[in-house]
């Protein structure tokens, strides 16, 4: 097998490394001033009032669901096309994920399907900006307001994306971000919750730090824990990396968009594959680029084509195994989902292959991906 070009990869340069080293040589490596500096920088970039840094995107979901007041028996509505944490984070509070099918073009949760799923138990709508393409928030927020529901937006893919001119993170009740290495920027592991609600902000800060509330009236050492939280803290050296990375975020997204434009131009007339869309009122951050195999025009399965691309040196992936196909959604936790429940999402899943896309890709690598995709598709077309 040839050396793989991965589907995603971080870009850490000498400036990033120097900023991290400064903190490692300082008095504060965790719970210090860099964390708040990083929070303020992200909030300013996203046009949000408040930001709370945590240890991962999954930790951000735990914190957001917790401070939303989710209780046993509550339901959250989300998409089956997402990483499992969007749903299983709710399970730890005794809540039940309820899935709604997706739109065929954007692959985001369908607002029409959301409304069909609302019951008296529904507490939260948790849309996912899949692949960096924002959801239909005018419709989602209209539904949420009508039914008095919170919108907790999973924007793990979408830092830097825009919806009708507004930055992601500036308008939902809470928005979660991820800084995993394949995301728009990285802190190694790490996440953030954005909100414009001061009460939620204060609750988030307490929850991420064990639920501790300082009580200086008794003494400088004293604290109360009324509602236990988790240790979800980010470190100062991770925050220093995040601050440095954030200075390059627009450059990173610009490069992603350049690569996407080349892919679109190269693949748009190949009838055996379907390329992703970007609606005219959004600006995607293009976290991943997914081709959809038109299997009726091909003489091989998705598995065969996937493995052929890997053998040619493409680190392809599939995003994601649908949640209704996961054992924990089929056999327990009050759920009994299965194949056939979400036809639009399942058709997408049967066709999808994620090909390499990350800002550090060279032009030579981009051309190799294009050449290889065409080569493999030509090999198997009818």
Foldseek 3Di string as FASTA:
>chain_A
DDAFDAQFFFDADPVLVVLLVVQVPDPFFFPDDLQVVLFVLLCVQQVFPGKHKFFALLLLLLLLCVLLPQAAQAEEEEALQAPPSNAVSSVVRNYHYDYFFADLAQRWGDLVRVLVPDDPRYAEYEIENPLQADDPVVSVVVSCVVVVHFYEYEDQAHQPKDFLRHGPLHDGQKYKYWAPRLHLHHLNGMMMIGHNDVSSNVSSVCQLCQQWDQDPVVHRVDTDRPDTHHNGTDTSSSSSSSVVRVVCSVVFLVLLVVLLVVLCVLCVPPPQKDWHDHDPRMGGSRSWTKIFGPPVQWQDFPVVLQVQLVVLRWNKDARDPGNLPDPCQCPDSPHNGHPPPHVSSVNRRRGIIITHTTNVDDPVNSVSSSVSNVVSRVVTGD
